[in-house]
Amino acid sequence: MCDEVGTPPLQFAGVALRLALEVLDGRRPPVQLRPLAEPGVIAALRTLAEHRQAPGCEFGAATLTRIDVIMTDSKAAEVCAGYDRGTRHFALAARIVRGRSGWRLTVFRVC
């Protein structure tokens, strides 16, 4: 687990997840995730945002509250995080993979 603030996977996960939540809320266009996420992730986020299908979207904007990063090997990590919408708490899971150009968001699930 990456407990140290400032580790590259944790830093990347924080940026990528915040941007993904902003896309879900319609506060950011999906195209802005291109440098950080795989096309399939961007397409899924776009669909959820367009149809207002993100969990709890009726409770307001999402605010990331915690992130846990678990390295599965030197080039991949599983991410679990919590976020709030109003007074409600929600969870998300993701996978990040390090390639030649850096870390990429390859899987993103909200619940």
N, C-alpha and C. Protein backbone atom coordinates (compact mmCIF):
# COMPACT_ATOMS: atom_id res chain seq x y z
N MET A 1 0.84 -1.18 0.00
CA MET A 1 0.00 0.00 0.00
C MET A 1 0.88 1.23 0.00
N CYS A 2 0.46 2.25 -0.70
CA CYS A 2 1.20 3.51 -0.75
C CYS A 2 0.65 4.45 0.30
N ASP A 3 1.29 4.47 1.46
CA ASP A 3 0.84 5.35 2.53
C ASP A 3 1.54 6.69 2.48
N GLU A 4 2.70 6.75 1.84
CA GLU A 4 3.49 7.96 1.84
C GLU A 4 2.89 9.00 0.89
N VAL A 5 2.56 10.16 1.43
CA VAL A 5 2.08 11.24 0.59
C VAL A 5 3.21 11.64 -0.35
N GLY A 6 2.88 11.81 -1.61
CA GLY A 6 3.89 12.23 -2.56
C GLY A 6 4.42 11.11 -3.43
N THR A 7 4.03 9.87 -3.18
CA THR A 7 4.50 8.80 -4.05
C THR A 7 3.86 8.98 -5.42
N PRO A 8 4.58 8.71 -6.50
CA PRO A 8 4.03 8.93 -7.84
C PRO A 8 2.69 8.24 -8.11
N PRO A 9 2.48 6.97 -7.74
CA PRO A 9 1.17 6.38 -8.02
C PRO A 9 0.03 7.07 -7.25
N LEU A 10 0.30 7.45 -6.01
CA LEU A 10 -0.72 8.12 -5.21
C LEU A 10 -1.01 9.51 -5.76
N GLN A 11 0.02 10.23 -6.15
CA GLN A 11 -0.18 11.55 -6.75
C GLN A 11 -1.00 11.44 -8.04
N PHE A 12 -0.62 10.50 -8.90
CA PHE A 12 -1.35 10.32 -10.15
C PHE A 12 -2.80 9.96 -9.87
N ALA A 13 -3.03 9.01 -8.97
CA ALA A 13 -4.39 8.59 -8.66
C ALA A 13 -5.23 9.78 -8.18
N GLY A 14 -4.67 10.62 -7.33
CA GLY A 14 -5.41 11.78 -6.85
C GLY A 14 -5.84 12.71 -7.97
N VAL A 15 -4.92 13.00 -8.87
CA VAL A 15 -5.24 13.88 -10.00
C VAL A 15 -6.26 13.23 -10.92
N ALA A 16 -6.01 11.98 -11.31
CA ALA A 16 -6.88 11.30 -12.26
C ALA A 16 -8.30 11.11 -11.70
N LEU A 17 -8.41 10.74 -10.44
CA LEU A 17 -9.74 10.51 -9.86
C LEU A 17 -10.51 11.82 -9.70
N ARG A 18 -9.84 12.88 -9.30
CA ARG A 18 -10.52 14.17 -9.19
C ARG A 18 -11.06 14.62 -10.55
N LEU A 19 -10.23 14.48 -11.59
CA LEU A 19 -10.67 14.86 -12.93
C LEU A 19 -11.83 13.97 -13.39
N ALA A 20 -11.74 12.67 -13.11
CA ALA A 20 -12.81 11.75 -13.51
C ALA A 20 -14.13 12.12 -12.82
N LEU A 21 -14.07 12.47 -11.54
CA LEU A 21 -15.29 12.87 -10.84
C LEU A 21 -15.85 14.18 -11.40
N GLU A 22 -14.97 15.08 -11.78
CA GLU A 22 -15.42 16.33 -12.40
C GLU A 22 -16.09 16.06 -13.74
N VAL A 23 -15.59 15.09 -14.50
CA VAL A 23 -16.24 14.70 -15.75
C VAL A 23 -17.62 14.12 -15.45
N LEU A 24 -17.72 13.26 -14.46
CA LEU A 24 -19.02 12.69 -14.10
C LEU A 24 -20.03 13.75 -13.72
N ASP A 25 -19.55 14.81 -13.07
CA ASP A 25 -20.44 15.90 -12.64
C ASP A 25 -20.77 16.87 -13.76
N GLY A 26 -20.10 16.73 -14.90
CA GLY A 26 -20.31 17.67 -16.00
C GLY A 26 -19.57 18.99 -15.81
N ARG A 27 -18.62 19.02 -14.88
CA ARG A 27 -17.85 20.24 -14.64
C ARG A 27 -16.60 20.31 -15.50
N ARG A 28 -16.30 19.23 -16.22
CA ARG A 28 -15.09 19.17 -17.04
C ARG A 28 -15.42 18.30 -18.26
N PRO A 29 -14.96 18.69 -19.45
CA PRO A 29 -15.21 17.86 -20.62
C PRO A 29 -14.36 16.59 -20.59
N PRO A 30 -14.91 15.46 -21.04
CA PRO A 30 -14.17 14.19 -21.02
C PRO A 30 -12.84 14.24 -21.76
N VAL A 31 -12.74 15.06 -22.79
CA VAL A 31 -11.51 15.14 -23.59
C VAL A 31 -10.29 15.52 -22.73
N GLN A 32 -10.51 16.19 -21.63
CA GLN A 32 -9.40 16.59 -20.77
C GLN A 32 -8.75 15.40 -20.05
N LEU A 33 -9.39 14.24 -20.09
CA LEU A 33 -8.81 13.05 -19.49
C LEU A 33 -7.88 12.29 -20.45
N ARG A 34 -7.82 12.69 -21.71
CA ARG A 34 -7.02 11.95 -22.69
C ARG A 34 -5.58 11.68 -22.26
N PRO A 35 -4.89 12.65 -21.66
CA PRO A 35 -3.49 12.37 -21.27
C PRO A 35 -3.38 11.38 -20.10
N LEU A 36 -4.49 11.13 -19.40
CA LEU A 36 -4.43 10.35 -18.17
C LEU A 36 -5.14 9.01 -18.23
N ALA A 37 -6.08 8.84 -19.16
CA ALA A 37 -6.94 7.66 -19.13
C ALA A 37 -7.04 6.99 -20.50
N GLU A 38 -7.33 5.71 -20.46
CA GLU A 38 -7.54 4.93 -21.67
C GLU A 38 -8.85 5.34 -22.33
N PRO A 39 -8.95 5.20 -23.65
CA PRO A 39 -10.17 5.60 -24.36
C PRO A 39 -11.45 4.95 -23.82
N GLY A 40 -11.39 3.70 -23.42
CA GLY A 40 -12.57 3.03 -22.89
C GLY A 40 -13.07 3.65 -21.59
N VAL A 41 -12.15 4.07 -20.76
CA VAL A 41 -12.52 4.74 -19.50
C VAL A 41 -13.18 6.08 -19.81
N ILE A 42 -12.60 6.82 -20.74
CA ILE A 42 -13.16 8.13 -21.11
C ILE A 42 -14.56 7.96 -21.69
N ALA A 43 -14.75 6.96 -22.55
CA ALA A 43 -16.06 6.73 -23.15
C ALA A 43 -17.10 6.37 -22.09
N ALA A 44 -16.72 5.53 -21.14
CA ALA A 44 -17.65 5.16 -20.07
C ALA A 44 -18.03 6.37 -19.22
N LEU A 45 -17.05 7.19 -18.88
CA LEU A 45 -17.32 8.40 -18.10
C LEU A 45 -18.22 9.35 -18.86
N ARG A 46 -17.97 9.50 -20.15
CA ARG A 46 -18.79 10.38 -20.99
C ARG A 46 -20.25 9.90 -20.97
N THR A 47 -20.45 8.60 -21.13
CA THR A 47 -21.81 8.05 -21.14
C THR A 47 -22.51 8.27 -19.81
N LEU A 48 -21.83 7.99 -18.72
CA LEU A 48 -22.43 8.20 -17.40
C LEU A 48 -22.79 9.67 -17.18
N ALA A 49 -21.90 10.56 -17.60
CA ALA A 49 -22.14 12.00 -17.41
C ALA A 49 -23.30 12.48 -18.27
N GLU A 50 -23.33 12.08 -19.53
CA GLU A 50 -24.39 12.53 -20.44
C GLU A 50 -25.76 12.10 -19.99
N HIS A 51 -25.85 10.92 -19.37
CA HIS A 51 -27.14 10.38 -18.94
C HIS A 51 -27.40 10.58 -17.45
N ARG A 52 -26.52 11.35 -16.80
CA ARG A 52 -26.64 11.64 -15.36
C ARG A 52 -26.86 10.34 -14.57
N GLN A 53 -26.02 9.34 -14.85
CA GLN A 53 -26.15 8.03 -14.22
C GLN A 53 -25.12 7.78 -13.13
N ALA A 54 -24.33 8.78 -12.80
CA ALA A 54 -23.36 8.60 -11.72
C ALA A 54 -24.10 8.44 -10.41
N PRO A 55 -23.66 7.51 -9.57
CA PRO A 55 -24.34 7.32 -8.29
C PRO A 55 -24.41 8.61 -7.48
N GLY A 56 -25.60 8.93 -7.02
CA GLY A 56 -25.79 10.07 -6.13
C GLY A 56 -25.69 11.43 -6.76
N CYS A 57 -25.70 11.53 -8.07
CA CYS A 57 -25.50 12.84 -8.70
C CYS A 57 -26.57 13.84 -8.27
N GLU A 58 -27.70 13.35 -7.81
CA GLU A 58 -28.74 14.26 -7.35
C GLU A 58 -28.39 14.94 -6.02
N PHE A 59 -27.34 14.47 -5.34
CA PHE A 59 -26.94 15.04 -4.06
C PHE A 59 -25.90 16.15 -4.18
N GLY A 60 -25.47 16.46 -5.39
CA GLY A 60 -24.50 17.54 -5.58
C GLY A 60 -23.18 17.05 -6.14
N ALA A 61 -22.23 17.96 -6.19
CA ALA A 61 -20.91 17.68 -6.76
C ALA A 61 -20.14 16.68 -5.90
N ALA A 62 -19.35 15.86 -6.57
CA ALA A 62 -18.53 14.86 -5.89
C ALA A 62 -17.25 15.50 -5.37
N THR A 63 -16.88 15.11 -4.14
CA THR A 63 -15.64 15.57 -3.52
C THR A 63 -14.86 14.35 -3.06
N LEU A 64 -13.68 14.16 -3.61
CA LEU A 64 -12.82 13.04 -3.23
C LEU A 64 -12.40 13.21 -1.78
N THR A 65 -12.54 12.14 -0.98
CA THR A 65 -12.23 12.25 0.44
C THR A 65 -11.06 11.39 0.89
N ARG A 66 -10.83 10.26 0.23
CA ARG A 66 -9.69 9.42 0.60
C ARG A 66 -9.29 8.57 -0.60
N ILE A 67 -8.02 8.18 -0.62
CA ILE A 67 -7.49 7.33 -1.69
C ILE A 67 -6.54 6.31 -1.07
N ASP A 68 -6.70 5.06 -1.44
CA ASP A 68 -5.76 4.00 -1.07
C ASP A 68 -5.22 3.38 -2.35
N VAL A 69 -3.92 3.25 -2.44
CA VAL A 69 -3.27 2.68 -3.60
C VAL A 69 -2.52 1.42 -3.15
N ILE A 70 -2.81 0.31 -3.81
CA ILE A 70 -2.16 -0.96 -3.50
C ILE A 70 -1.41 -1.41 -4.74
N MET A 71 -0.11 -1.43 -4.66
CA MET A 71 0.71 -1.85 -5.79
C MET A 71 0.55 -3.36 -5.98
N THR A 72 0.23 -3.78 -7.21
CA THR A 72 0.13 -5.20 -7.51
C THR A 72 1.45 -5.72 -8.09
N ASP A 73 2.19 -4.84 -8.72
CA ASP A 73 3.57 -5.10 -9.13
C ASP A 73 4.21 -3.73 -9.38
N SER A 74 5.39 -3.70 -9.96
CA SER A 74 6.08 -2.42 -10.10
C SER A 74 5.44 -1.48 -11.12
N LYS A 75 4.54 -2.00 -11.96
CA LYS A 75 3.93 -1.17 -13.00
C LYS A 75 2.42 -1.11 -12.96
N ALA A 76 1.80 -1.59 -11.89
CA ALA A 76 0.34 -1.57 -11.81
C ALA A 76 -0.10 -1.43 -10.36
N ALA A 77 -1.25 -0.79 -10.19
CA ALA A 77 -1.79 -0.61 -8.85
C ALA A 77 -3.31 -0.62 -8.89
N GLU A 78 -3.89 -1.14 -7.83
CA GLU A 78 -5.33 -1.09 -7.63
C GLU A 78 -5.61 0.10 -6.72
N VAL A 79 -6.65 0.84 -7.04
CA VAL A 79 -6.97 2.05 -6.29
C VAL A 79 -8.40 1.92 -5.77
N CYS A 80 -8.58 2.24 -4.51
CA CYS A 80 -9.94 2.37 -3.97
C CYS A 80 -10.01 3.75 -3.32
N ALA A 81 -11.15 4.35 -3.43
CA ALA A 81 -11.28 5.72 -2.92
C ALA A 81 -12.71 5.95 -2.45
N GLY A 82 -12.85 6.97 -1.63
CA GLY A 82 -14.15 7.40 -1.18
C GLY A 82 -14.40 8.82 -1.66
N TYR A 83 -15.66 9.12 -1.89
CA TYR A 83 -16.03 10.49 -2.25
C TYR A 83 -17.40 10.80 -1.66
N ASP A 84 -17.61 12.07 -1.43
CA ASP A 84 -18.87 12.53 -0.86
C ASP A 84 -19.65 13.31 -1.89
N ARG A 85 -20.96 13.23 -1.76
CA ARG A 85 -21.90 14.08 -2.50
C ARG A 85 -22.89 14.56 -1.45
N GLY A 86 -22.79 15.83 -1.13
CA GLY A 86 -23.64 16.34 -0.05
C GLY A 86 -23.25 15.64 1.25
N THR A 87 -24.23 15.05 1.91
CA THR A 87 -23.98 14.33 3.16
C THR A 87 -23.83 12.83 2.95
N ARG A 88 -23.85 12.38 1.72
CA ARG A 88 -23.76 10.95 1.39
C ARG A 88 -22.34 10.55 1.04
N HIS A 89 -21.98 9.33 1.35
CA HIS A 89 -20.65 8.78 1.07
C HIS A 89 -20.76 7.72 -0.03
N PHE A 90 -19.80 7.71 -0.94
CA PHE A 90 -19.78 6.76 -2.04
C PHE A 90 -18.37 6.20 -2.19
N ALA A 91 -18.24 5.16 -3.03
CA ALA A 91 -16.94 4.53 -3.24
C ALA A 91 -16.65 4.39 -4.73
N LEU A 92 -15.39 4.27 -5.03
CA LEU A 92 -14.98 3.98 -6.40
C LEU A 92 -13.76 3.09 -6.37
N ALA A 93 -13.55 2.40 -7.47
CA ALA A 93 -12.38 1.54 -7.63
C ALA A 93 -11.77 1.85 -8.99
N ALA A 94 -10.47 1.68 -9.07
CA ALA A 94 -9.77 1.96 -10.33
C ALA A 94 -8.51 1.11 -10.40
N ARG A 95 -7.97 1.09 -11.58
CA ARG A 95 -6.67 0.45 -11.80
C ARG A 95 -5.82 1.45 -12.58
N ILE A 96 -4.57 1.58 -12.16
CA ILE A 96 -3.62 2.43 -12.88
C ILE A 96 -2.44 1.57 -13.29
N VAL A 97 -1.92 1.87 -14.47
CA VAL A 97 -0.80 1.10 -15.01
C VAL A 97 0.26 2.08 -15.50
N ARG A 98 1.51 1.77 -15.21
CA ARG A 98 2.62 2.62 -15.66
C ARG A 98 3.17 2.08 -16.98
N GLY A 99 3.17 2.94 -17.97
CA GLY A 99 3.72 2.58 -19.28
C GLY A 99 4.87 3.50 -19.63
N ARG A 100 5.23 3.54 -20.90
CA ARG A 100 6.35 4.37 -21.35
C ARG A 100 6.12 5.85 -21.10
N SER A 101 4.86 6.29 -21.19
CA SER A 101 4.57 7.72 -21.03
C SER A 101 4.11 8.08 -19.61
N GLY A 102 4.19 7.15 -18.68
CA GLY A 102 3.78 7.42 -17.31
C GLY A 102 2.56 6.62 -16.91
N TRP A 103 1.93 7.02 -15.84
CA TRP A 103 0.77 6.32 -15.31
C TRP A 103 -0.47 6.62 -16.14
N ARG A 104 -1.36 5.62 -16.28
CA ARG A 104 -2.62 5.76 -17.01
C ARG A 104 -3.73 5.10 -16.21
N LEU A 105 -4.90 5.69 -16.25
CA LEU A 105 -6.10 5.14 -15.64
C LEU A 105 -6.68 4.15 -16.64
N THR A 106 -6.72 2.86 -16.27
CA THR A 106 -7.16 1.83 -17.21
C THR A 106 -8.53 1.25 -16.86
N VAL A 107 -8.94 1.39 -15.62
CA VAL A 107 -10.26 0.92 -15.17
C VAL A 107 -10.80 1.93 -14.17
N PHE A 108 -12.11 2.19 -14.25
CA PHE A 108 -12.73 3.13 -13.31
C PHE A 108 -14.16 2.67 -13.07
N ARG A 109 -14.52 2.42 -11.81
CA ARG A 109 -15.87 1.99 -11.46
C ARG A 109 -16.37 2.82 -10.27
N VAL A 110 -17.58 3.28 -10.36
CA VAL A 110 -18.17 4.03 -9.25
C VAL A 110 -19.36 3.25 -8.70
N CYS A 111 -19.60 3.40 -7.40
CA CYS A 111 -20.76 2.77 -6.79
C CYS A 111 -21.20 3.57 -5.58
